[in-house]
PDB file of all heavy atoms in Angstrom:
ATOM      1  N   ARG A   1      75.124 208.621  17.762  1.00  0.00           N
ATOM      2  CA  ARG A   1      74.893 209.098  19.121  1.00  0.00           C
ATOM      3  C   ARG A   1      75.332 210.551  19.273  1.00  0.00           C
ATOM      4  O   ARG A   1      74.657 211.353  19.927  1.00  0.00           O
ATOM      5  CB  ARG A   1      75.625 208.204  20.124  1.00  0.00           C
ATOM      6  CG  ARG A   1      75.352 208.564  21.577  1.00  0.00           C
ATOM      7  CD  ARG A   1      73.880 208.476  21.891  1.00  0.00           C
ATOM      8  NE  ARG A   1      73.594 208.854  23.280  1.00  0.00           N
ATOM      9  CZ  ARG A   1      72.441 209.358  23.688  1.00  0.00           C
ATOM     10  NH1 ARG A   1      71.463 209.570  22.822  1.00  0.00           N
ATOM     11  NH2 ARG A   1      72.249 209.665  24.945  1.00  0.00           N
ATOM     12  N   VAL A   2      76.457 210.907  18.684  1.00  0.00           N
ATOM     13  CA  VAL A   2      76.925 212.297  18.719  1.00  0.00           C
ATOM     14  C   VAL A   2      75.930 213.207  18.005  1.00  0.00           C
ATOM     15  O   VAL A   2      75.595 214.297  18.488  1.00  0.00           O
ATOM     16  CB  VAL A   2      78.322 212.422  18.079  1.00  0.00           C
ATOM     17  CG1 VAL A   2      78.712 213.890  17.917  1.00  0.00           C
ATOM     18  CG2 VAL A   2      79.365 211.691  18.923  1.00  0.00           C
ATOM     19  N   PHE A   3      75.433 212.745  16.863  1.00  0.00           N
ATOM     20  CA  PHE A   3      74.430 213.489  16.106  1.00  0.00           C
ATOM     21  C   PHE A   3      73.173 213.692  16.948  1.00  0.00           C
ATOM     22  O   PHE A   3      72.625 214.803  17.019  1.00  0.00           O
ATOM     23  CB  PHE A   3      74.097 212.729  14.823  1.00  0.00           C
ATOM     24  CG  PHE A   3      73.010 213.352  13.990  1.00  0.00           C
ATOM     25  CD1 PHE A   3      73.289 214.380  13.108  1.00  0.00           C
ATOM     26  CD2 PHE A   3      71.703 212.892  14.085  1.00  0.00           C
ATOM     27  CE1 PHE A   3      72.288 214.947  12.334  1.00  0.00           C
ATOM     28  CE2 PHE A   3      70.697 213.454  13.323  1.00  0.00           C
ATOM     29  CZ  PHE A   3      70.982 214.485  12.443  1.00  0.00           C
ATOM     30  N   ASP A   4      72.721 212.623  17.606  1.00  0.00           N
ATOM     31  CA  ASP A   4      71.517 212.689  18.435  1.00  0.00           C
ATOM     32  C   ASP A   4      71.686 213.669  19.590  1.00  0.00           C
ATOM     33  O   ASP A   4      70.821 214.509  19.851  1.00  0.00           O
ATOM     34  CB  ASP A   4      71.168 211.304  18.989  1.00  0.00           C
ATOM     35  CG  ASP A   4      70.549 210.390  17.957  1.00  0.00           C
ATOM     36  OD1 ASP A   4      70.070 210.901  16.922  1.00  0.00           O
ATOM     37  OD2 ASP A   4      70.532 209.169  18.178  1.00  0.00           O
ATOM     38  N   LEU A   5      72.793 213.538  20.308  1.00  0.00           N
ATOM     39  CA  LEU A   5      73.026 214.402  21.461  1.00  0.00           C
ATOM     40  C   LEU A   5      73.146 215.862  21.049  1.00  0.00           C
ATOM     41  O   LEU A   5      72.606 216.752  21.725  1.00  0.00           O
ATOM     42  CB  LEU A   5      74.297 213.966  22.198  1.00  0.00           C
ATOM     43  CG  LEU A   5      74.201 212.667  22.997  1.00  0.00           C
ATOM     44  CD1 LEU A   5      75.575 212.272  23.535  1.00  0.00           C
ATOM     45  CD2 LEU A   5      73.218 212.814  24.158  1.00  0.00           C
ATOM     46  N   SER A   6      73.831 216.103  19.954  1.00  0.00           N
ATOM     47  CA  SER A   6      74.025 217.485  19.490  1.00  0.00           C
ATOM     48  C   SER A   6      72.705 218.110  19.063  1.00  0.00           C
ATOM     49  O   SER A   6      72.346 219.211  19.512  1.00  0.00           O
ATOM     50  CB  SER A   6      75.025 217.517  18.328  1.00  0.00           C
ATOM     51  OG  SER A   6      76.274 216.985  18.709  1.00  0.00           O
ATOM     52  N   LEU A   7      71.957 217.407  18.208  1.00  0.00           N
ATOM     53  CA  LEU A   7      70.718 217.962  17.687  1.00  0.00           C
ATOM     54  C   LEU A   7      69.655 218.070  18.772  1.00  0.00           C
ATOM     55  O   LEU A   7      68.940 219.078  18.863  1.00  0.00           O
ATOM     56  CB  LEU A   7      70.204 217.098  16.534  1.00  0.00           C
ATOM     57  CG  LEU A   7      68.984 217.626  15.771  1.00  0.00           C
ATOM     58  CD1 LEU A   7      69.243 219.032  15.254  1.00  0.00           C
ATOM     59  CD2 LEU A   7      68.639 216.688  14.611  1.00  0.00           C
ATOM     60  N   ALA A   8      69.545 217.053  19.631  1.00  0.00           N
ATOM     61  CA  ALA A   8      68.551 217.086  20.703  1.00  0.00           C
ATOM     62  C   ALA A   8      68.849 218.220  21.683  1.00  0.00           C
ATOM     63  O   ALA A   8      67.925 218.913  22.148  1.00  0.00           O
ATOM     64  CB  ALA A   8      68.523 215.746  21.439  1.00  0.00           C
ATOM     65  N   SER A   9      70.110 218.442  22.002  1.00  0.00           N
ATOM     66  CA  SER A   9      70.480 219.515  22.926  1.00  0.00           C
ATOM     67  C   SER A   9      70.156 220.881  22.344  1.00  0.00           C
ATOM     68  O   SER A   9      69.614 221.760  23.037  1.00  0.00           O
ATOM     69  CB  SER A   9      71.980 219.437  23.256  1.00  0.00           C
ATOM     70  OG  SER A   9      72.298 218.216  23.891  1.00  0.00           O
ATOM     71  N   ILE A  10      70.472 221.063  21.072  1.00  0.00           N
ATOM     72  CA  ILE A  10      70.194 222.344  20.409  1.00  0.00           C
ATOM     73  C   ILE A  10      68.693 222.609  20.353  1.00  0.00           C
ATOM     74  O   ILE A  10      68.216 223.707  20.690  1.00  0.00           O
ATOM     75  CB  ILE A  10      70.798 222.354  18.990  1.00  0.00           C
ATOM     76  CG1 ILE A  10      72.327 222.366  19.063  1.00  0.00           C
ATOM     77  CG2 ILE A  10      70.300 223.569  18.198  1.00  0.00           C
ATOM     78  CD1 ILE A  10      73.004 222.154  17.726  1.00  0.00           C
ATOM     79  N   LEU A  11      67.918 221.593  19.941  1.00  0.00           N
ATOM     80  CA  LEU A  11      66.462 221.759  19.841  1.00  0.00           C
ATOM     81  C   LEU A  11      65.829 221.973  21.214  1.00  0.00           C
ATOM     82  O   LEU A  11      64.879 222.751  21.348  1.00  0.00           O
ATOM     83  CB  LEU A  11      65.847 220.543  19.153  1.00  0.00           C
ATOM     84  CG  LEU A  11      66.121 220.403  17.661  1.00  0.00           C
ATOM     85  CD1 LEU A  11      65.524 219.107  17.121  1.00  0.00           C
ATOM     86  CD2 LEU A  11      65.557 221.594  16.897  1.00  0.00           C
ATOM     87  N   PHE A  12      66.352 221.284  22.219  1.00  0.00           N
ATOM     88  CA  PHE A  12      65.816 221.450  23.579  1.00  0.00           C
ATOM     89  C   PHE A  12      65.984 222.896  24.043  1.00  0.00           C
ATOM     90  O   PHE A  12      65.042 223.512  24.562  1.00  0.00           O
ATOM     91  CB  PHE A  12      66.533 220.499  24.532  1.00  0.00           C
ATOM     92  CG  PHE A  12      66.001 220.541  25.942  1.00  0.00           C
ATOM     93  CD1 PHE A  12      64.863 219.839  26.283  1.00  0.00           C
ATOM     94  CD2 PHE A  12      66.636 221.304  26.911  1.00  0.00           C
ATOM     95  CE1 PHE A  12      64.355 219.884  27.578  1.00  0.00           C
ATOM     96  CE2 PHE A  12      66.149 221.356  28.206  1.00  0.00           C
ATOM     97  CZ  PHE A  12      64.997 220.646  28.540  1.00  0.00           C
ATOM     98  N   VAL A  13      67.172 223.465  23.842  1.00  0.00           N
ATOM     99  CA  VAL A  13      67.441 224.847  24.265  1.00  0.00           C
ATOM    100  C   VAL A  13      66.601 225.837  23.457  1.00  0.00           C
ATOM    101  O   VAL A  13      66.014 226.775  24.014  1.00  0.00           O
ATOM    102  CB  VAL A  13      68.943 225.171  24.121  1.00  0.00           C
ATOM    103  CG1 VAL A  13      69.191 226.661  24.370  1.00  0.00           C
ATOM    104  CG2 VAL A  13      69.765 224.332  25.087  1.00  0.00           C
ATOM    105  N   LEU A  14      66.514 225.626  22.143  1.00  0.00           N
ATOM    106  CA  LEU A  14      65.789 226.554  21.277  1.00  0.00           C
ATOM    107  C   LEU A  14      64.283 226.545  21.528  1.00  0.00           C
ATOM    108  O   LEU A  14      63.607 227.582  21.421  1.00  0.00           O
ATOM    109  CB  LEU A  14      66.065 226.238  19.806  1.00  0.00           C
ATOM    110  CG  LEU A  14      67.482 226.512  19.302  1.00  0.00           C
ATOM    111  CD1 LEU A  14      67.611 226.097  17.838  1.00  0.00           C
ATOM    112  CD2 LEU A  14      67.837 227.990  19.460  1.00  0.00           C
ATOM    113  N   THR A  15      63.753 225.361  21.843  1.00  0.00           N
ATOM    114  CA  THR A  15      62.294 225.252  22.009  1.00  0.00           C
ATOM    115  C   THR A  15      61.841 225.396  23.458  1.00  0.00           C
ATOM    116  O   THR A  15      60.634 225.497  23.714  1.00  0.00           O
ATOM    117  CB  THR A  15      61.790 223.887  21.486  1.00  0.00           C
ATOM    118  OG1 THR A  15      62.383 222.819  22.255  1.00  0.00           O
ATOM    119  CG2 THR A  15      62.126 223.721  20.014  1.00  0.00           C
ATOM    120  N   LEU A  16      62.777 225.429  24.391  1.00  0.00           N
ATOM    121  CA  LEU A  16      62.408 225.481  25.815  1.00  0.00           C
ATOM    122  C   LEU A  16      61.462 226.642  26.147  1.00  0.00           C
ATOM    123  O   LEU A  16      60.545 226.463  26.967  1.00  0.00           O
ATOM    124  CB  LEU A  16      63.665 225.545  26.678  1.00  0.00           C
ATOM    125  CG  LEU A  16      63.468 225.270  28.180  1.00  0.00           C
ATOM    126  CD1 LEU A  16      62.814 223.903  28.390  1.00  0.00           C
ATOM    127  CD2 LEU A  16      64.801 225.350  28.923  1.00  0.00           C
ATOM    128  N   PRO A  17      61.620 227.841  25.550  1.00  0.00           N
ATOM    129  CA  PRO A  17      60.670 228.925  25.841  1.00  0.00           C
ATOM    130  C   PRO A  17      59.226 228.585  25.462  1.00  0.00           C
ATOM    131  O   PRO A  17      58.287 229.174  26.017  1.00  0.00           O
ATOM    132  CB  PRO A  17      61.204 230.092  24.998  1.00  0.00           C
ATOM    133  CG  PRO A  17      62.662 229.821  24.844  1.00  0.00           C
ATOM    134  CD  PRO A  17      62.747 228.318  24.721  1.00  0.00           C
ATOM    135  N   LEU A  18      59.027 227.652  24.526  1.00  0.00           N
ATOM    136  CA  LEU A  18      57.677 227.270  24.119  1.00  0.00           C
ATOM    137  C   LEU A  18      57.010 226.324  25.106  1.00  0.00           C
ATOM    138  O   LEU A  18      55.774 226.259  25.161  1.00  0.00           O
ATOM    139  CB  LEU A  18      57.713 226.591  22.738  1.00  0.00           C
ATOM    140  CG  LEU A  18      58.182 227.431  21.546  1.00  0.00           C
ATOM    141  CD1 LEU A  18      58.242 226.547  20.305  1.00  0.00           C
ATOM    142  CD2 LEU A  18      57.250 228.602  21.326  1.00  0.00           C
ATOM    143  N   TRP A  19      57.793 225.601  25.868  1.00  0.00           N
ATOM    144  CA  TRP A  19      57.254 224.564  26.736  1.00  0.00           C
ATOM    145  C   TRP A  19      56.239 225.102  27.745  1.00  0.00           C
ATOM    146  O   TRP A  19      55.142 224.534  27.871  1.00  0.00           O
ATOM    147  CB  TRP A  19      58.384 223.823  27.451  1.00  0.00           C
ATOM    148  CG  TRP A  19      59.182 222.916  26.555  1.00  0.00           C
ATOM    149  CD1 TRP A  19      59.657 223.212  25.309  1.00  0.00           C
ATOM    150  CD2 TRP A  19      59.606 221.577  26.833  1.00  0.00           C
ATOM    151  NE1 TRP A  19      60.364 222.156  24.796  1.00  0.00           N
ATOM    152  CE2 TRP A  19      60.343 221.140  25.701  1.00  0.00           C
ATOM    153  CE3 TRP A  19      59.446 220.729  27.907  1.00  0.00           C
ATOM    154  CZ2 TRP A  19      60.899 219.879  25.623  1.00  0.00           C
ATOM    155  CZ3 TRP A  19      60.008 219.462  27.846  1.00  0.00           C
ATOM    156  CH2 TRP A  19      60.729 219.033  26.717  1.00  0.00           C
ATOM    157  N   PRO A  20      56.522 226.210  28.468  1.00  0.00           N
ATOM    158  CA  PRO A  20      55.521 226.722  29.418  1.00  0.00           C
ATOM    159  C   PRO A  20      54.226 227.136  28.729  1.00  0.00           C
ATOM    160  O   PRO A  20      53.133 226.941  29.282  1.00  0.00           O
ATOM    161  CB  PRO A  20      56.220 227.937  30.048  1.00  0.00           C
ATOM    162  CG  PRO A  20      57.677 227.686  29.850  1.00  0.00           C
ATOM    163  CD  PRO A  20      57.773 226.979  28.539  1.00  0.00           C
ATOM    164  N   LEU A  21      54.321 227.700  27.515  1.00  0.00           N
ATOM    165  CA  LEU A  21      53.130 228.120  26.781  1.00  0.00           C
ATOM    166  C   LEU A  21      52.292 226.916  26.366  1.00  0.00           C
ATOM    167  O   LEU A  21      51.061 226.932  26.472  1.00  0.00           O
ATOM    168  CB  LEU A  21      53.546 228.934  25.549  1.00  0.00           C
ATOM    169  CG  LEU A  21      54.339 230.218  25.811  1.00  0.00           C
ATOM    170  CD1 LEU A  21      54.745 230.869  24.488  1.00  0.00           C
ATOM    171  CD2 LEU A  21      53.522 231.185  26.658  1.00  0.00           C
ATOM    172  N   ILE A  22      52.971 225.874  25.875  1.00  0.00           N
ATOM    173  CA  ILE A  22      52.270 224.652  25.483  1.00  0.00           C
ATOM    174  C   ILE A  22      51.608 224.003  26.693  1.00  0.00           C
ATOM    175  O   ILE A  22      50.439 223.583  26.645  1.00  0.00           O
ATOM    176  CB  ILE A  22      53.248 223.666  24.811  1.00  0.00           C
ATOM    177  CG1 ILE A  22      53.767 224.235  23.485  1.00  0.00           C
ATOM    178  CG2 ILE A  22      52.569 222.312  24.575  1.00  0.00           C
ATOM    179  CD1 ILE A  22      54.872 223.412  22.857  1.00  0.00           C
ATOM    180  N   MET A  23      52.324 223.932  27.786  1.00  0.00           N
ATOM    181  CA  MET A  23      51.804 223.319  28.999  1.00  0.00           C
ATOM    182  C   MET A  23      50.595 224.076  29.537  1.00  0.00           C
ATOM    183  O   MET A  23      49.604 223.480  29.961  1.00  0.00           O
ATOM    184  CB  MET A  23      52.917 223.248  30.059  1.00  0.00           C
ATOM    185  CG  MET A  23      54.064 222.335  29.666  1.00  0.00           C
ATOM    186  SD  MET A  23      55.549 222.497  30.701  1.00  0.00           S
ATOM    187  CE  MET A  23      54.991 221.670  32.178  1.00  0.00           C
ATOM    188  N   LEU A  24      50.656 225.422  29.480  1.00  0.00           N
ATOM    189  CA  LEU A  24      49.531 226.244  29.936  1.00  0.00           C
ATOM    190  C   LEU A  24      48.310 226.033  29.042  1.00  0.00           C
ATOM    191  O   LEU A  24      47.181 225.903  29.534  1.00  0.00           O
ATOM    192  CB  LEU A  24      49.935 227.717  29.950  1.00  0.00           C
ATOM    193  CG  LEU A  24      48.860 228.717  30.420  1.00  0.00           C
ATOM    194  CD1 LEU A  24      48.467 228.414  31.855  1.00  0.00           C
ATOM    195  CD2 LEU A  24      49.370 230.141  30.275  1.00  0.00           C
ATOM    196  N   ALA A  25      48.532 225.976  27.719  1.00  0.00           N
ATOM    197  CA  ALA A  25      47.427 225.777  26.771  1.00  0.00           C
ATOM    198  C   ALA A  25      46.744 224.433  27.001  1.00  0.00           C
ATOM    199  O   ALA A  25      45.515 224.330  26.966  1.00  0.00           O
ATOM    200  CB  ALA A  25      47.950 225.874  25.341  1.00  0.00           C
ATOM    201  N   ILE A  26      47.541 223.396  27.243  1.00  0.00           N
ATOM    202  CA  ILE A  26      46.978 222.068  27.499  1.00  0.00           C
ATOM    203  C   ILE A  26      46.167 222.079  28.790  1.00  0.00           C
ATOM    204  O   ILE A  26      45.053 221.543  28.856  1.00  0.00           O
ATOM    205  CB  ILE A  26      48.102 221.012  27.591  1.00  0.00           C
ATOM    206  CG1 ILE A  26      48.792 220.858  26.233  1.00  0.00           C
ATOM    207  CG2 ILE A  26      47.544 219.665  28.048  1.00  0.00           C
ATOM    208  CD1 ILE A  26      50.035 219.993  26.278  1.00  0.00           C
ATOM    209  N   LYS A  27      46.721 222.696  29.820  1.00  0.00           N
ATOM    210  CA  LYS A  27      46.074 222.713  31.134  1.00  0.00           C
ATOM    211  C   LYS A  27      44.753 223.475  31.095  1.00  0.00           C
ATOM    212  O   LYS A  27      43.758 223.071  31.716  1.00  0.00           O
ATOM    213  CB  LYS A  27      47.015 223.351  32.157  1.00  0.00           C
ATOM    214  CG  LYS A  27      46.715 222.970  33.603  1.00  0.00           C
ATOM    215  CD  LYS A  27      46.974 221.478  33.813  1.00  0.00           C
ATOM    216  CE  LYS A  27      46.707 221.073  35.259  1.00  0.00           C
ATOM    217  NZ  LYS A  27      46.862 219.614  35.448  1.00  0.00           N
ATOM    218  N   LEU A  28      44.714 224.573  30.347  1.00  0.00           N
ATOM    219  CA  LEU A  28      43.505 225.394  30.289  1.00  0.00           C
ATOM    220  C   LEU A  28      42.432 224.802  29.383  1.00  0.00           C
ATOM    221  O   LEU A  28      41.246 225.097  29.545  1.00  0.00           O
ATOM    222  CB  LEU A  28      43.858 226.809  29.801  1.00  0.00           C
ATOM    223  CG  LEU A  28      44.717 227.659  30.749  1.00  0.00           C
ATOM    224  CD1 LEU A  28      45.056 228.988  30.083  1.00  0.00           C
ATOM    225  CD2 LEU A  28      44.000 227.881  32.075  1.00  0.00           C
TER     226      LEU A  28
END
């Protein structure tokens, strides 16, 4: 659980800038 929370939190923060771009591409 510690491994999951740590890795998921890090990946969420690192990839968050990509989310709006991905969402826009899907929508268009």
